[in-house]
N, C-alpha and C. Protein backbone atom coordinates (compact mmCIF):
# COMPACT_ATOMS: atom_id res chain seq x y z
N MET A 1 0.60 7.67 -136.48
CA MET A 1 1.66 7.27 -135.66
C MET A 1 2.45 6.22 -136.31
N SER A 2 3.84 6.11 -136.15
CA SER A 2 4.64 5.11 -136.63
C SER A 2 4.27 3.78 -136.03
N SER A 3 4.73 2.70 -136.74
CA SER A 3 4.34 1.37 -136.20
C SER A 3 5.30 1.06 -134.92
N VAL A 4 4.75 0.16 -134.02
CA VAL A 4 5.54 -0.15 -132.82
C VAL A 4 6.05 -1.59 -133.06
N THR A 5 7.31 -1.82 -132.75
CA THR A 5 7.87 -3.19 -132.91
C THR A 5 8.24 -3.54 -131.46
N LEU A 6 7.87 -4.75 -131.06
CA LEU A 6 8.19 -5.21 -129.68
C LEU A 6 9.24 -6.44 -129.89
N ARG A 7 10.22 -6.52 -128.99
CA ARG A 7 11.11 -7.59 -129.16
C ARG A 7 11.86 -7.75 -127.77
N PRO A 8 12.30 -8.89 -127.51
CA PRO A 8 13.11 -9.23 -126.30
C PRO A 8 14.41 -8.43 -126.47
N VAL A 9 14.97 -8.04 -125.19
CA VAL A 9 16.21 -7.33 -125.21
C VAL A 9 17.28 -8.20 -125.69
N THR A 10 18.30 -7.57 -126.24
CA THR A 10 19.63 -8.27 -126.55
C THR A 10 20.69 -7.37 -125.85
N SER A 11 21.95 -7.93 -125.90
CA SER A 11 23.05 -7.26 -125.33
C SER A 11 23.36 -5.97 -125.86
N GLN A 12 22.91 -5.70 -127.15
CA GLN A 12 23.16 -4.37 -127.68
C GLN A 12 22.10 -3.36 -127.24
N ASP A 13 21.19 -3.75 -126.55
CA ASP A 13 20.12 -2.82 -126.08
C ASP A 13 20.34 -2.19 -124.73
N HIS A 14 21.51 -2.36 -124.13
CA HIS A 14 21.60 -1.98 -122.74
C HIS A 14 21.35 -0.46 -122.54
N ALA A 15 21.90 0.42 -123.40
CA ALA A 15 21.70 1.77 -123.24
C ALA A 15 20.23 2.21 -123.27
N ALA A 16 19.57 1.64 -124.28
CA ALA A 16 18.09 1.89 -124.43
C ALA A 16 17.31 1.47 -123.23
N TRP A 17 17.54 0.23 -122.75
CA TRP A 17 16.91 -0.40 -121.64
C TRP A 17 17.23 0.44 -120.47
N LEU A 18 18.49 0.84 -120.26
CA LEU A 18 18.81 1.59 -118.99
C LEU A 18 18.24 2.85 -118.91
N ALA A 19 18.09 3.61 -120.05
CA ALA A 19 17.42 4.95 -120.07
C ALA A 19 15.91 4.68 -119.62
N LEU A 20 15.20 3.79 -120.14
CA LEU A 20 13.86 3.55 -119.67
C LEU A 20 13.75 3.09 -118.31
N TRP A 21 14.70 2.13 -117.83
CA TRP A 21 14.69 1.71 -116.50
C TRP A 21 14.92 2.87 -115.53
N GLN A 22 15.84 3.71 -115.85
CA GLN A 22 16.02 4.90 -114.92
C GLN A 22 14.82 5.82 -114.90
N ALA A 23 14.19 6.00 -116.09
CA ALA A 23 13.03 6.84 -116.17
C ALA A 23 11.83 6.23 -115.30
N TYR A 24 11.73 4.97 -115.32
CA TYR A 24 10.74 4.20 -114.62
C TYR A 24 10.97 4.40 -113.10
N LEU A 25 12.28 4.23 -112.67
CA LEU A 25 12.55 4.41 -111.29
C LEU A 25 12.24 5.88 -110.88
N HIS A 26 12.60 6.77 -111.64
CA HIS A 26 12.26 8.27 -111.41
C HIS A 26 10.82 8.48 -111.32
N PHE A 27 10.07 7.87 -112.11
CA PHE A 27 8.64 7.89 -112.13
C PHE A 27 8.11 7.50 -110.67
N TYR A 28 8.62 6.50 -110.10
CA TYR A 28 8.26 6.03 -108.75
C TYR A 28 9.17 6.65 -107.65
N LYS A 29 9.89 7.67 -108.01
CA LYS A 29 10.68 8.41 -107.00
C LYS A 29 11.63 7.38 -106.29
N SER A 30 12.22 6.60 -107.01
CA SER A 30 13.14 5.48 -106.42
C SER A 30 14.55 5.73 -106.98
N GLU A 31 15.43 5.22 -106.24
CA GLU A 31 16.81 5.15 -106.71
C GLU A 31 17.37 3.76 -106.30
N LEU A 32 18.20 3.21 -107.19
CA LEU A 32 18.78 1.96 -106.83
C LEU A 32 20.37 2.15 -107.10
N PRO A 33 21.10 1.41 -106.32
CA PRO A 33 22.55 1.45 -106.51
C PRO A 33 22.89 0.88 -107.97
N GLU A 34 23.90 1.52 -108.60
CA GLU A 34 24.18 1.04 -109.95
C GLU A 34 24.49 -0.50 -110.10
N GLU A 35 25.00 -1.14 -109.10
CA GLU A 35 25.21 -2.52 -109.10
C GLU A 35 23.99 -3.32 -109.19
N VAL A 36 22.83 -2.83 -108.63
CA VAL A 36 21.55 -3.50 -108.69
C VAL A 36 20.98 -3.47 -110.08
N SER A 37 21.06 -2.34 -110.70
CA SER A 37 20.65 -2.15 -112.16
C SER A 37 21.52 -3.02 -113.08
N LEU A 38 22.78 -3.09 -112.82
CA LEU A 38 23.70 -3.97 -113.59
C LEU A 38 23.38 -5.33 -113.41
N SER A 39 23.13 -5.81 -112.18
CA SER A 39 22.75 -7.15 -111.86
C SER A 39 21.43 -7.52 -112.56
N THR A 40 20.49 -6.67 -112.49
CA THR A 40 19.15 -6.82 -113.24
C THR A 40 19.39 -7.07 -114.69
N TRP A 41 20.22 -6.21 -115.26
CA TRP A 41 20.43 -6.31 -116.72
C TRP A 41 21.13 -7.60 -116.98
N GLN A 42 22.04 -8.02 -116.18
CA GLN A 42 22.90 -9.35 -116.53
C GLN A 42 21.79 -10.53 -116.40
N ARG A 43 20.90 -10.32 -115.49
CA ARG A 43 19.91 -11.52 -115.25
C ARG A 43 18.97 -11.57 -116.49
N LEU A 44 18.60 -10.32 -117.03
CA LEU A 44 17.69 -10.29 -118.10
C LEU A 44 18.27 -11.01 -119.43
N LEU A 45 19.60 -10.97 -119.55
CA LEU A 45 20.36 -11.60 -120.67
C LEU A 45 20.66 -13.07 -120.43
N ASP A 46 20.61 -13.55 -119.23
CA ASP A 46 21.08 -14.90 -118.92
C ASP A 46 19.90 -15.88 -119.16
N PRO A 47 20.09 -16.76 -120.14
CA PRO A 47 19.08 -17.72 -120.42
C PRO A 47 18.73 -18.67 -119.31
N ASN A 48 19.50 -18.85 -118.35
CA ASN A 48 19.17 -19.63 -117.24
C ASN A 48 18.42 -18.91 -116.07
N GLU A 49 18.17 -17.65 -116.31
CA GLU A 49 17.37 -16.91 -115.31
C GLU A 49 15.91 -16.89 -115.65
N PRO A 50 15.03 -16.80 -114.74
CA PRO A 50 13.61 -16.75 -115.08
C PRO A 50 13.08 -15.42 -115.39
N THR A 51 13.97 -14.40 -115.50
CA THR A 51 13.55 -12.99 -115.69
C THR A 51 13.85 -12.57 -117.16
N HIS A 52 12.89 -11.83 -117.68
CA HIS A 52 13.03 -11.42 -119.11
C HIS A 52 12.57 -9.95 -119.27
N SER A 53 12.93 -9.41 -120.45
CA SER A 53 12.57 -8.00 -120.84
C SER A 53 12.27 -7.90 -122.24
N ALA A 54 11.43 -6.96 -122.59
CA ALA A 54 11.17 -6.56 -123.95
C ALA A 54 11.08 -5.10 -124.07
N LEU A 55 11.48 -4.64 -125.22
CA LEU A 55 11.42 -3.16 -125.50
C LEU A 55 10.37 -2.97 -126.67
N ALA A 56 9.72 -1.78 -126.55
CA ALA A 56 9.00 -1.26 -127.57
C ALA A 56 9.68 -0.26 -128.31
N TRP A 57 9.72 -0.33 -129.66
CA TRP A 57 10.56 0.60 -130.46
C TRP A 57 9.64 1.30 -131.47
N VAL A 58 9.88 2.52 -131.71
CA VAL A 58 9.19 3.38 -132.57
C VAL A 58 10.27 4.22 -133.25
N ASP A 59 10.42 4.06 -134.66
CA ASP A 59 11.28 4.77 -135.45
C ASP A 59 12.70 4.66 -134.94
N GLY A 60 13.12 3.47 -134.53
CA GLY A 60 14.47 3.15 -134.06
C GLY A 60 14.73 3.57 -132.64
N LYS A 61 13.74 4.13 -131.99
CA LYS A 61 13.97 4.53 -130.53
C LYS A 61 13.12 3.67 -129.58
N ALA A 62 13.78 3.16 -128.50
CA ALA A 62 13.02 2.47 -127.48
C ALA A 62 12.21 3.36 -126.65
N VAL A 63 10.81 3.08 -126.74
CA VAL A 63 9.90 4.02 -125.97
C VAL A 63 9.14 3.35 -124.90
N GLY A 64 9.41 2.02 -124.70
CA GLY A 64 8.68 1.25 -123.64
C GLY A 64 9.47 0.07 -123.27
N MET A 65 9.15 -0.41 -122.05
CA MET A 65 9.87 -1.53 -121.60
C MET A 65 9.03 -2.38 -120.62
N VAL A 66 9.17 -3.67 -120.59
CA VAL A 66 8.45 -4.52 -119.72
C VAL A 66 9.47 -5.57 -119.24
N ASN A 67 9.49 -5.83 -117.90
CA ASN A 67 10.34 -6.79 -117.33
C ASN A 67 9.39 -7.79 -116.62
N PHE A 68 9.64 -9.09 -116.80
CA PHE A 68 8.67 -10.12 -116.17
C PHE A 68 9.57 -11.35 -115.83
N ILE A 69 8.96 -12.04 -114.76
CA ILE A 69 9.54 -13.21 -114.17
C ILE A 69 8.63 -14.37 -114.06
N TYR A 70 9.18 -15.44 -114.55
CA TYR A 70 8.40 -16.77 -114.36
C TYR A 70 8.66 -17.34 -112.99
N HIS A 71 7.73 -17.81 -112.27
CA HIS A 71 7.95 -18.33 -110.92
C HIS A 71 6.97 -19.46 -110.60
N ARG A 72 7.45 -20.36 -109.70
CA ARG A 72 6.50 -21.39 -109.24
C ARG A 72 5.39 -20.88 -108.53
N THR A 73 4.23 -21.59 -108.48
CA THR A 73 3.16 -21.27 -107.61
C THR A 73 2.57 -22.54 -107.02
N ASN A 74 2.03 -22.48 -105.86
CA ASN A 74 1.43 -23.63 -105.22
C ASN A 74 -0.04 -23.82 -105.66
N TRP A 75 -0.48 -22.93 -106.41
CA TRP A 75 -1.83 -22.88 -106.91
C TRP A 75 -2.08 -23.57 -108.31
N SER A 76 -1.10 -24.01 -108.94
CA SER A 76 -1.14 -24.61 -110.16
C SER A 76 0.07 -25.47 -110.49
N ILE A 77 -0.02 -26.34 -111.43
CA ILE A 77 1.09 -27.13 -111.92
C ILE A 77 2.13 -26.23 -112.68
N GLY A 78 1.55 -25.31 -113.59
CA GLY A 78 2.34 -24.47 -114.42
C GLY A 78 2.80 -23.34 -113.57
N ASN A 79 3.89 -22.79 -114.02
CA ASN A 79 4.46 -21.55 -113.43
C ASN A 79 3.44 -20.36 -113.58
N ALA A 80 3.68 -19.25 -112.81
CA ALA A 80 2.94 -18.00 -113.00
C ALA A 80 4.00 -17.06 -113.55
N CYS A 81 3.57 -15.93 -114.08
CA CYS A 81 4.40 -14.92 -114.60
C CYS A 81 4.13 -13.60 -113.83
N TYR A 82 5.11 -13.04 -113.26
CA TYR A 82 4.94 -11.68 -112.62
C TYR A 82 5.49 -10.61 -113.45
N LEU A 83 4.55 -9.81 -113.87
CA LEU A 83 4.93 -8.56 -114.69
C LEU A 83 5.44 -7.60 -113.77
N GLN A 84 6.77 -7.44 -113.57
CA GLN A 84 7.36 -6.63 -112.47
C GLN A 84 7.37 -5.20 -112.82
N ASP A 85 7.81 -4.88 -114.00
CA ASP A 85 8.08 -3.45 -114.38
C ASP A 85 7.48 -3.21 -115.74
N LEU A 86 6.74 -2.13 -115.92
CA LEU A 86 6.22 -1.67 -117.10
C LEU A 86 6.42 -0.11 -117.19
N TYR A 87 6.93 0.35 -118.32
CA TYR A 87 7.05 1.75 -118.50
C TYR A 87 7.05 2.16 -119.88
N VAL A 88 6.38 3.23 -120.13
CA VAL A 88 6.26 3.84 -121.50
C VAL A 88 6.67 5.33 -121.37
N ASP A 89 7.53 5.75 -122.23
CA ASP A 89 7.99 7.04 -122.24
C ASP A 89 6.76 8.03 -122.27
N SER A 90 6.81 9.08 -121.46
CA SER A 90 5.69 9.99 -121.25
C SER A 90 5.14 10.55 -122.52
N ALA A 91 6.02 10.77 -123.52
CA ALA A 91 5.61 11.36 -124.82
C ALA A 91 4.88 10.38 -125.65
N GLN A 92 4.93 9.10 -125.27
CA GLN A 92 4.30 7.99 -126.05
C GLN A 92 3.06 7.38 -125.38
N ARG A 93 2.69 7.91 -124.23
CA ARG A 93 1.59 7.31 -123.44
C ARG A 93 0.24 7.64 -124.12
N GLY A 94 -0.66 6.75 -124.01
CA GLY A 94 -2.01 6.88 -124.59
C GLY A 94 -2.12 6.38 -125.98
N LEU A 95 -1.02 5.82 -126.43
CA LEU A 95 -0.99 5.26 -127.85
C LEU A 95 -1.09 3.79 -128.04
N GLY A 96 -1.42 3.18 -126.86
CA GLY A 96 -1.51 1.73 -126.87
C GLY A 96 -0.28 0.87 -126.62
N ILE A 97 0.85 1.55 -126.44
CA ILE A 97 2.06 0.86 -126.24
C ILE A 97 2.13 0.05 -125.01
N GLY A 98 1.68 0.55 -123.94
CA GLY A 98 1.54 -0.19 -122.66
C GLY A 98 0.74 -1.44 -122.82
N ARG A 99 -0.43 -1.36 -123.51
CA ARG A 99 -1.29 -2.57 -123.72
C ARG A 99 -0.48 -3.55 -124.66
N GLN A 100 0.16 -3.09 -125.62
CA GLN A 100 0.98 -3.99 -126.47
C GLN A 100 2.09 -4.81 -125.58
N LEU A 101 2.77 -4.02 -124.75
CA LEU A 101 3.72 -4.66 -123.87
C LEU A 101 3.10 -5.75 -122.89
N ILE A 102 1.91 -5.34 -122.33
CA ILE A 102 1.29 -6.34 -121.55
C ILE A 102 0.85 -7.67 -122.42
N GLU A 103 0.28 -7.32 -123.64
CA GLU A 103 -0.04 -8.43 -124.52
C GLU A 103 1.16 -9.30 -124.89
N HIS A 104 2.31 -8.67 -125.11
CA HIS A 104 3.55 -9.37 -125.33
C HIS A 104 3.87 -10.36 -124.18
N VAL A 105 3.70 -9.95 -122.96
CA VAL A 105 3.94 -10.76 -121.70
C VAL A 105 2.91 -11.86 -121.73
N TYR A 106 1.60 -11.59 -122.01
CA TYR A 106 0.61 -12.68 -122.12
C TYR A 106 1.04 -13.68 -123.12
N THR A 107 1.43 -13.39 -124.22
CA THR A 107 1.85 -14.24 -125.33
C THR A 107 3.05 -15.14 -124.91
N ALA A 108 4.03 -14.45 -124.18
CA ALA A 108 5.23 -15.22 -123.75
C ALA A 108 4.84 -16.13 -122.60
N ALA A 109 3.98 -15.70 -121.69
CA ALA A 109 3.53 -16.58 -120.58
C ALA A 109 2.77 -17.70 -121.13
N LYS A 110 1.90 -17.55 -122.10
CA LYS A 110 1.12 -18.73 -122.64
C LYS A 110 2.09 -19.71 -123.33
N ALA A 111 2.99 -19.17 -123.98
CA ALA A 111 4.02 -20.04 -124.70
C ALA A 111 4.83 -20.96 -123.68
N GLU A 112 4.98 -20.42 -122.46
CA GLU A 112 5.68 -21.16 -121.40
C GLU A 112 4.78 -21.84 -120.51
N ASN A 113 3.41 -21.97 -120.87
CA ASN A 113 2.47 -22.69 -120.14
C ASN A 113 2.24 -22.21 -118.70
N CYS A 114 2.29 -20.90 -118.58
CA CYS A 114 2.05 -20.29 -117.30
C CYS A 114 0.53 -20.24 -117.07
N SER A 115 0.14 -20.38 -115.79
CA SER A 115 -1.21 -20.36 -115.47
C SER A 115 -1.83 -18.94 -115.32
N LYS A 116 -1.01 -17.96 -115.07
CA LYS A 116 -1.49 -16.64 -114.90
C LYS A 116 -0.29 -15.61 -115.18
N VAL A 117 -0.77 -14.42 -115.39
CA VAL A 117 0.14 -13.25 -115.36
C VAL A 117 -0.51 -12.31 -114.30
N HIS A 118 0.30 -11.81 -113.33
CA HIS A 118 -0.12 -10.93 -112.31
C HIS A 118 0.99 -9.71 -112.13
N TRP A 119 0.39 -8.68 -111.58
CA TRP A 119 1.36 -7.46 -111.28
C TRP A 119 0.71 -6.63 -110.27
N LEU A 120 1.43 -5.62 -109.85
CA LEU A 120 1.04 -4.59 -108.92
C LEU A 120 1.12 -3.27 -109.58
N THR A 121 0.45 -2.37 -108.99
CA THR A 121 0.79 -0.81 -109.37
C THR A 121 0.48 -0.05 -108.12
N HIS A 122 0.98 1.11 -108.08
CA HIS A 122 0.75 1.99 -106.97
C HIS A 122 -0.73 2.52 -107.06
N GLU A 123 -1.36 2.70 -105.82
CA GLU A 123 -2.84 3.03 -105.85
C GLU A 123 -3.01 4.48 -106.48
N THR A 124 -2.02 5.27 -106.65
CA THR A 124 -2.08 6.48 -107.18
C THR A 124 -1.94 6.67 -108.67
N ASN A 125 -1.55 5.53 -109.24
CA ASN A 125 -1.22 5.54 -110.68
C ASN A 125 -2.48 5.41 -111.47
N ALA A 126 -3.36 6.30 -111.42
CA ALA A 126 -4.71 6.23 -112.14
C ALA A 126 -4.65 5.93 -113.52
N THR A 127 -3.73 6.35 -114.30
CA THR A 127 -3.66 6.08 -115.71
C THR A 127 -3.36 4.66 -115.99
N ALA A 128 -2.44 4.10 -115.24
CA ALA A 128 -2.10 2.63 -115.38
C ALA A 128 -3.32 1.90 -114.96
N ILE A 129 -4.00 2.19 -113.87
CA ILE A 129 -5.21 1.47 -113.39
C ILE A 129 -6.13 1.37 -114.42
N SER A 130 -6.42 2.56 -115.06
CA SER A 130 -7.37 2.53 -116.11
C SER A 130 -7.16 1.55 -117.17
N LEU A 131 -5.88 1.41 -117.66
CA LEU A 131 -5.53 0.43 -118.59
C LEU A 131 -5.68 -0.97 -118.07
N TYR A 132 -5.16 -1.22 -116.92
CA TYR A 132 -5.09 -2.54 -116.29
C TYR A 132 -6.55 -3.14 -116.15
N GLN A 133 -7.51 -2.22 -115.85
CA GLN A 133 -8.89 -2.64 -115.72
C GLN A 133 -9.49 -3.11 -117.00
N GLN A 134 -8.85 -2.73 -118.11
CA GLN A 134 -9.34 -3.08 -119.43
C GLN A 134 -8.71 -4.49 -119.83
N VAL A 135 -7.60 -4.78 -119.27
CA VAL A 135 -6.78 -5.99 -119.83
C VAL A 135 -6.79 -7.10 -118.81
N ALA A 136 -7.24 -6.92 -117.58
CA ALA A 136 -7.08 -7.88 -116.57
C ALA A 136 -8.18 -7.72 -115.52
N GLU A 137 -8.24 -8.70 -114.56
CA GLU A 137 -9.17 -8.58 -113.46
C GLU A 137 -8.45 -8.08 -112.20
N ARG A 138 -9.07 -7.27 -111.45
CA ARG A 138 -8.52 -6.78 -110.15
C ARG A 138 -8.76 -7.86 -109.08
N SER A 139 -7.68 -8.38 -108.46
CA SER A 139 -7.68 -9.49 -107.68
C SER A 139 -8.47 -9.16 -106.19
N GLY A 140 -8.34 -7.90 -105.79
CA GLY A 140 -8.87 -7.57 -104.57
C GLY A 140 -7.88 -7.78 -103.36
N PHE A 141 -6.72 -8.43 -103.59
CA PHE A 141 -5.71 -8.57 -102.53
C PHE A 141 -4.99 -7.37 -102.27
N ILE A 142 -4.64 -7.10 -101.05
CA ILE A 142 -3.80 -6.04 -100.66
C ILE A 142 -2.28 -6.48 -100.33
N GLN A 143 -1.38 -5.77 -100.86
CA GLN A 143 0.08 -6.31 -100.62
C GLN A 143 0.60 -5.76 -99.31
N PHE A 144 1.27 -6.64 -98.61
CA PHE A 144 1.98 -6.34 -97.39
C PHE A 144 3.47 -6.73 -97.65
N ARG A 145 4.42 -6.00 -97.16
CA ARG A 145 5.71 -6.29 -97.36
C ARG A 145 6.58 -5.94 -96.10
N LYS A 146 7.75 -6.59 -96.03
CA LYS A 146 8.82 -6.22 -95.02
C LYS A 146 10.08 -6.23 -95.81
N GLU A 147 10.75 -5.26 -95.92
CA GLU A 147 11.98 -5.16 -96.68
C GLU A 147 13.20 -5.37 -95.78
N PHE A 148 14.17 -6.02 -96.19
CA PHE A 148 15.51 -6.35 -95.48
C PHE A 148 16.70 -5.65 -96.11
């Protein structure tokens, strides 16, 4: 396998990020208005926003993406980091790229003095759950939500 390079997104990465973002949405059978994706992209590039993204590259092609957000928590002095979106191209799964993207977030969160990294996944995503059980602890909490 070729080596994997991880790096934060830059303004030149929009097409690569967008292709992975759309594949991620498709994986979860979701659609978003174009203006939401554009707003997300603009936030990822804004140094004043707490949201960030990194891409995994193999042979000049973006094959994985992770989006994460630093946020306050009432449970510690330092911020927490929410790993909101993680996606690896289906042809590249099982090669350790997802783990590398998670480790990238861990490194970034530690550098920002975050107290923890946390995330969700769908209960049917057995492949992801298998990886997550290797790199983190399952909290036992159940998510509830009300969308507006």
